[in-house]
Amino acid sequence: MPNLSLVPLQTTEAEAYWRVYVAGRSDLPSRSVRVHLERYLNLPVEEQRRYFSFLEDGRIVGTVHISSGPAESPEANVTGFSIDPARSDVTAAAIIKAVDFLRAQGQERIAAGYEDRYEDAFAAVGFRRWFARIRMEAAIARRPIAGEHVLRPPEEPEVLGLARFFMEAYEGHMEQAFGMHVGPESDWRQYITALLKGDSGQFMPDASFVSFDGDRLVGSILMTHWMELPLVAEIGVAKDHRRRGLGRALLQAAINRLTDHGFPRIALFVTVGNDPAVRLYESLGFAQAGGQSVTGRLE
């Protein structure tokens, strides 16, 4: 067992911490140490206390974020895990340190988020993959929009309608089996409102679009600027309007608008196994960027 210690991150060591974090991950939305550092420094102090360093002889060789779930769902979470590539040999020991820390606090249910490069080490400790997501990026290129879809940016009174629309569009979606895109309409309203207020990056209203069939909302794409690139925060098509090219039209409309702003690339996230979505994105030039971001549970 390497001589590792798990200690709360000190603000004076934050830059070194984020350098290790970036060096040990390829699945990140940004590889800028400055971006991650500024995001950390802007967090409330209580949230900053959830970041921990793995130290070896006083030097940071790994990073992790540790938090406990709400009382009604007491599942602890180990995320933000990264190890200095030069010290990959301490990976398993670091995972055990984090798990032991939570066990000492009485935590029995533990989930973890990690890049697939660390999956064997997490599996050796007892974690099993639950699901995974990939980040995809594409060069921005203007193309004609096929079909006769009428697309326009959303208007402010339509925000509540967006919440119900996405709630219905995701009904029965594969991601709901993993706890994503679930909940009552009140939760969806809160989620969409938070997205528009900047929780997933600065909302880009002029690059976001909606499509109506008469008075009925049947498609929408919501774009934000997050971690240095435009991000497809949400995209959805009503079930009875799928396979008509509307999803492609929405995405291409957003890409075309982004060309006016001079952005070189666009990003999105997709769940592994959502093959129809992956095929659509690949047909528009998207490709996987970095490794898979895995969510596992300790068995």
Protein backbone atom coordinates (compact mmCIF):
# COMPACT_ATOMS: atom_id res chain seq x y z
CA MET A 1 0.00 0.00 0.00
CA PRO A 2 1.57 3.33 -1.07
CA ASN A 3 2.00 5.97 1.60
CA LEU A 4 -1.10 7.93 0.60
CA SER A 5 -3.18 10.28 2.70
CA LEU A 6 -6.62 11.70 1.89
CA VAL A 7 -6.95 15.32 3.00
CA PRO A 8 -9.34 18.20 2.31
CA LEU A 9 -8.19 20.44 -0.52
CA GLN A 10 -6.55 23.64 0.69
CA THR A 11 -7.28 26.73 -1.40
CA THR A 12 -3.56 27.52 -1.54
CA GLU A 13 -3.05 24.19 -3.36
CA ALA A 14 -6.00 24.55 -5.72
CA GLU A 15 -3.97 25.25 -8.85
CA ALA A 16 -1.77 22.17 -8.33
CA TYR A 17 -4.92 20.15 -7.62
CA TRP A 18 -6.60 21.10 -10.89
CA ARG A 19 -3.41 20.49 -12.86
CA VAL A 20 -3.44 16.90 -11.63
CA TYR A 21 -7.16 16.61 -12.34
CA VAL A 22 -6.78 17.76 -15.95
CA ALA A 23 -3.67 15.64 -16.53
CA GLY A 24 -5.40 12.44 -15.45
CA ARG A 25 -8.63 12.78 -17.46
CA SER A 26 -9.43 12.86 -21.17
CA ASP A 27 -13.25 13.08 -20.90
CA LEU A 28 -13.39 16.68 -19.67
CA PRO A 29 -15.44 19.47 -21.28
CA SER A 30 -12.39 21.72 -20.93
CA ARG A 31 -8.70 21.01 -20.45
CA SER A 32 -8.03 24.52 -19.21
CA VAL A 33 -6.70 24.52 -15.64
CA ARG A 34 -7.81 28.14 -15.36
CA VAL A 35 -11.44 27.30 -16.21
CA HIS A 36 -11.63 24.54 -13.58
CA LEU A 37 -9.82 26.64 -11.00
CA GLU A 38 -12.12 29.63 -11.44
CA ARG A 39 -15.19 27.40 -11.27
CA TYR A 40 -13.94 25.90 -7.99
CA LEU A 41 -13.11 29.30 -6.47
CA ASN A 42 -16.62 30.55 -7.26
CA LEU A 43 -18.27 27.68 -5.37
CA PRO A 44 -19.74 28.22 -1.88
CA VAL A 45 -17.29 27.34 0.88
CA GLU A 46 -19.45 24.39 1.94
CA GLU A 47 -19.15 22.89 -1.54
CA GLN A 48 -15.40 23.53 -1.69
CA ARG A 49 -15.03 21.37 1.43
CA ARG A 50 -16.11 18.32 -0.56
CA TYR A 51 -12.92 18.34 -2.62
CA PHE A 52 -10.07 16.15 -1.37
CA SER A 53 -6.47 15.54 -2.40
CA PHE A 54 -4.53 12.31 -2.40
CA LEU A 55 -1.12 13.23 -1.01
CA GLU A 56 2.11 11.27 -1.24
CA ASP A 57 5.05 12.76 0.65
CA GLY A 58 3.17 16.06 0.76
CA ARG A 59 2.61 16.21 -3.01
CA ILE A 60 -0.80 15.99 -4.70
CA VAL A 61 -0.95 12.86 -6.84
CA GLY A 62 -4.73 12.52 -7.11
CA THR A 63 -8.07 14.29 -6.81
CA VAL A 64 -11.57 13.34 -5.69
CA HIS A 65 -14.89 14.94 -4.79
CA ILE A 66 -16.82 13.21 -1.99
CA SER A 67 -20.43 13.94 -1.07
CA SER A 68 -23.36 12.28 0.64
CA GLY A 69 -26.86 12.09 -0.78
CA PRO A 70 -30.03 13.51 0.83
CA ALA A 71 -31.49 11.80 3.87
CA GLU A 72 -34.24 10.16 1.82
CA SER A 73 -31.64 8.63 -0.51
CA PRO A 74 -28.45 8.18 1.52
CA GLU A 75 -26.06 7.27 -1.30
CA ALA A 76 -22.57 8.69 -1.07
CA ASN A 77 -20.87 9.81 -4.28
CA VAL A 78 -17.23 9.67 -5.30
CA THR A 79 -16.66 11.86 -8.36
CA GLY A 80 -13.92 14.03 -9.82
CA PHE A 81 -11.48 11.14 -9.52
CA SER A 82 -8.15 11.60 -11.25
CA ILE A 83 -4.60 10.37 -10.74
CA ASP A 84 -1.35 11.91 -11.95
CA PRO A 85 -0.41 9.76 -14.99
CA ALA A 86 3.10 9.44 -13.60
CA ARG A 87 1.65 7.76 -10.49
CA SER A 88 -0.98 5.48 -12.03
CA ASP A 89 0.34 2.72 -9.76
CA VAL A 90 -1.46 4.30 -6.77
CA THR A 91 -4.89 4.26 -8.43
CA ALA A 92 -6.31 1.26 -6.54
CA ALA A 93 -4.91 2.50 -3.22
CA ALA A 94 -6.54 5.90 -3.77
CA ILE A 95 -9.94 4.33 -4.46
CA ILE A 96 -9.67 2.24 -1.29
CA LYS A 97 -8.79 5.39 0.68
CA ALA A 98 -11.93 7.15 -0.55
CA VAL A 99 -14.15 4.13 0.16
CA ASP A 100 -12.66 3.64 3.64
CA PHE A 101 -13.27 7.33 4.38
CA LEU A 102 -16.97 6.92 3.56
CA ARG A 103 -17.27 3.59 5.39
CA ALA A 104 -15.85 5.25 8.52
CA GLN A 105 -18.70 7.77 8.28
CA GLY A 106 -21.25 4.96 8.18
CA GLN A 107 -21.97 5.18 4.46
CA GLU A 108 -23.16 1.85 3.07
CA ARG A 109 -24.30 2.80 -0.43
CA ILE A 110 -21.58 4.32 -2.59
CA ALA A 111 -21.69 5.38 -6.23
CA ALA A 112 -18.74 6.67 -8.20
CA GLY A 113 -18.10 8.61 -11.38
CA TYR A 114 -14.83 7.96 -13.20
CA GLU A 115 -13.32 7.83 -16.66
CA ASP A 116 -13.18 4.34 -18.18
CA ARG A 117 -9.36 4.42 -17.99
CA TYR A 118 -9.86 3.79 -14.24
CA GLU A 119 -12.62 1.20 -14.64
CA ASP A 120 -10.47 -1.88 -13.99
CA ALA A 121 -9.19 -0.40 -10.73
CA PHE A 122 -12.71 0.51 -9.58
CA ALA A 123 -13.95 -2.96 -10.57
CA ALA A 124 -11.17 -4.56 -8.50
CA VAL A 125 -12.51 -2.72 -5.44
CA GLY A 126 -16.07 -3.90 -6.19
CA PHE A 127 -17.61 -1.17 -8.33
CA ARG A 128 -19.73 -2.27 -11.29
CA ARG A 129 -20.68 -0.13 -14.27
CA TRP A 130 -24.24 1.17 -14.10
CA PHE A 131 -24.14 3.37 -17.20
CA ALA A 132 -21.75 5.61 -19.10
CA ARG A 133 -21.86 8.77 -21.17
CA ILE A 134 -19.60 10.13 -23.85
CA ARG A 135 -18.80 13.65 -24.91
CA MET A 136 -19.00 14.28 -28.64
CA GLU A 137 -17.69 17.30 -30.53
CA ALA A 138 -17.98 18.54 -34.10
CA ALA A 139 -16.47 21.31 -36.16
CA ILE A 140 -19.07 23.96 -36.85
CA ALA A 141 -20.02 24.08 -40.52
CA ARG A 142 -22.99 25.76 -42.12
CA ARG A 143 -25.22 23.38 -44.09
CA PRO A 144 -28.71 23.67 -45.59
CA ILE A 145 -31.59 22.46 -43.42
CA ALA A 146 -33.53 19.68 -45.11
CA GLY A 147 -37.32 19.61 -44.99
CA GLU A 148 -39.92 22.28 -44.44
CA HIS A 149 -39.57 22.59 -40.68
CA VAL A 150 -40.48 25.97 -39.22
CA LEU A 151 -37.90 26.79 -36.55
CA ARG A 152 -37.50 29.88 -34.42
CA PRO A 153 -35.89 30.88 -31.11
CA PRO A 154 -38.11 30.26 -28.05
CA GLU A 155 -40.05 33.15 -26.57
CA GLU A 156 -40.19 33.87 -22.84
CA PRO A 157 -43.87 32.84 -22.31
CA GLU A 158 -43.02 29.40 -23.72
CA VAL A 159 -40.66 28.42 -20.90
CA LEU A 160 -43.27 26.52 -18.89
CA GLY A 161 -44.33 24.76 -22.06
CA LEU A 162 -40.73 23.65 -22.58
CA ALA A 163 -40.77 21.92 -19.20
CA ARG A 164 -43.85 19.87 -20.04
CA PHE A 165 -42.58 19.20 -23.57
CA PHE A 166 -39.26 17.71 -22.42
CA MET A 167 -41.02 15.76 -19.67
CA GLU A 168 -43.25 14.09 -22.28
CA ALA A 169 -40.46 13.67 -24.84
CA TYR A 170 -38.32 11.74 -22.34
CA GLU A 171 -41.17 9.50 -21.15
CA GLY A 172 -39.97 5.90 -21.54
CA HIS A 173 -36.49 6.96 -22.63
CA MET A 174 -33.65 4.55 -21.82
CA GLU A 175 -31.97 7.15 -19.61
CA GLN A 176 -34.86 7.05 -17.14
CA ALA A 177 -33.69 3.60 -16.06
CA PHE A 178 -30.57 5.35 -14.74
CA GLY A 179 -32.45 8.06 -12.86
CA MET A 180 -32.01 10.77 -15.50
CA HIS A 181 -34.82 12.92 -16.87
CA VAL A 182 -37.35 11.74 -14.31
CA GLY A 183 -39.66 13.48 -11.86
CA PRO A 184 -42.94 15.43 -11.76
CA GLU A 185 -43.63 18.51 -13.82
CA SER A 186 -42.61 20.77 -10.92
CA ASP A 187 -39.10 19.24 -11.04
CA TRP A 188 -38.95 19.78 -14.79
CA ARG A 189 -39.95 23.43 -14.41
CA GLN A 190 -37.20 23.90 -11.86
CA TYR A 191 -34.69 22.15 -14.12
CA ILE A 192 -35.55 24.15 -17.24
CA THR A 193 -35.63 27.43 -15.30
CA ALA A 194 -32.20 26.67 -13.81
CA LEU A 195 -30.85 25.81 -17.27
CA LEU A 196 -32.07 29.11 -18.68
CA LYS A 197 -30.56 30.97 -15.70
CA GLY A 198 -27.11 29.51 -16.30
CA ASP A 199 -26.73 26.34 -14.23
CA SER A 200 -25.38 24.53 -17.31
CA GLY A 201 -23.48 27.48 -18.70
CA GLN A 202 -24.71 30.76 -20.14
CA PHE A 203 -27.95 30.19 -22.03
CA MET A 204 -27.72 31.05 -25.74
CA PRO A 205 -31.27 32.08 -26.73
CA ASP A 206 -30.44 33.03 -30.32
CA ALA A 207 -28.86 29.59 -30.98
CA SER A 208 -31.79 27.74 -29.36
CA PHE A 209 -34.85 26.77 -31.37
CA VAL A 210 -38.39 25.46 -31.07
CA SER A 211 -40.71 23.94 -33.65
CA PHE A 212 -44.50 23.97 -33.58
CA ASP A 213 -47.19 21.94 -35.32
CA GLY A 214 -50.01 24.44 -35.19
CA ASP A 215 -50.12 25.58 -31.56
CA ARG A 216 -48.36 22.45 -30.29
CA LEU A 217 -44.67 22.41 -29.41
CA VAL A 218 -43.12 19.36 -31.12
CA GLY A 219 -39.36 19.98 -31.02
CA SER A 220 -36.76 22.01 -29.19
CA ILE A 221 -33.01 22.45 -28.80
CA LEU A 222 -31.54 24.51 -25.95
CA MET A 223 -27.94 25.71 -26.27
CA THR A 224 -25.61 26.99 -23.56
CA HIS A 225 -22.00 28.19 -23.53
CA TRP A 226 -20.28 25.92 -21.02
CA MET A 227 -16.61 25.25 -20.36
CA GLU A 228 -15.44 27.28 -23.39
CA LEU A 229 -17.67 25.67 -26.04
CA PRO A 230 -21.32 25.82 -27.11
CA LEU A 231 -23.14 22.84 -25.57
CA VAL A 232 -26.35 21.12 -26.62
CA ALA A 233 -27.91 21.24 -23.16
CA GLU A 234 -31.18 19.63 -24.30
CA ILE A 235 -32.70 18.42 -27.56
CA GLY A 236 -36.02 16.64 -27.95
CA VAL A 237 -38.70 15.75 -30.48
CA ALA A 238 -42.29 14.74 -29.74
CA LYS A 239 -42.79 11.00 -30.14
CA ASP A 240 -45.26 11.31 -33.03
CA HIS A 241 -42.92 13.64 -34.95
CA ARG A 242 -39.81 11.49 -34.87
CA ARG A 243 -38.09 10.01 -37.94
CA ARG A 244 -39.10 13.07 -39.98
CA GLY A 245 -35.74 14.84 -39.79
CA LEU A 246 -36.82 17.33 -37.13
CA GLY A 247 -34.02 16.47 -34.69
CA ARG A 248 -31.45 16.90 -37.46
CA ALA A 249 -33.03 20.20 -38.48
CA LEU A 250 -32.96 21.54 -34.92
CA LEU A 251 -29.30 20.63 -34.47
CA GLN A 252 -28.26 22.02 -37.85
CA ALA A 253 -30.17 25.25 -37.19
CA ALA A 254 -28.23 25.71 -33.95
CA ILE A 255 -24.92 24.96 -35.72
CA ASN A 256 -25.74 27.43 -38.51
CA ARG A 257 -26.49 30.16 -35.99
CA LEU A 258 -23.24 29.47 -34.15
CA THR A 259 -21.27 30.15 -37.33
CA ASP A 260 -22.38 33.78 -37.02
CA HIS A 261 -20.61 33.96 -33.65
CA GLY A 262 -17.33 32.47 -34.89
CA PHE A 263 -17.32 29.41 -32.64
CA PRO A 264 -15.07 26.67 -34.07
CA ARG A 265 -16.70 23.66 -32.38
CA ILE A 266 -19.86 22.42 -30.67
CA ALA A 267 -20.24 19.75 -27.97
CA LEU A 268 -22.89 17.45 -26.53
CA PHE A 269 -23.20 14.44 -24.23
CA VAL A 270 -24.94 11.17 -25.04
CA THR A 271 -25.53 8.00 -23.05
CA VAL A 272 -23.73 4.87 -24.22
CA GLY A 273 -26.33 2.60 -25.79
CA ASN A 274 -28.45 5.41 -27.23
CA ASP A 275 -27.48 4.28 -30.73
CA PRO A 276 -30.10 6.25 -32.74
CA ALA A 277 -28.85 9.51 -31.20
CA VAL A 278 -25.20 8.56 -31.76
CA ARG A 279 -25.89 7.79 -35.44
CA LEU A 280 -27.61 11.15 -35.89
CA TYR A 281 -24.74 13.02 -34.30
CA GLU A 282 -22.11 11.13 -36.28
CA SER A 283 -23.94 11.94 -39.52
CA LEU A 284 -23.48 15.63 -38.68
CA GLY A 285 -19.76 15.25 -38.06
CA PHE A 286 -19.72 14.61 -34.31
CA ALA A 287 -17.10 12.22 -32.92
CA GLN A 288 -16.29 10.99 -29.44
CA ALA A 289 -13.94 13.31 -27.56
CA GLY A 290 -11.98 11.56 -24.83
CA GLY A 291 -12.91 8.50 -22.81
CA GLN A 292 -16.25 7.37 -21.47
CA SER A 293 -17.53 8.92 -18.26
CA VAL A 294 -18.69 5.90 -16.24
CA THR A 295 -21.08 5.81 -13.30
CA GLY A 296 -20.59 2.73 -11.15
CA ARG A 297 -21.97 1.38 -7.90
CA LEU A 298 -20.15 -0.47 -5.17
CA GLU A 299 -21.54 -3.98 -4.83
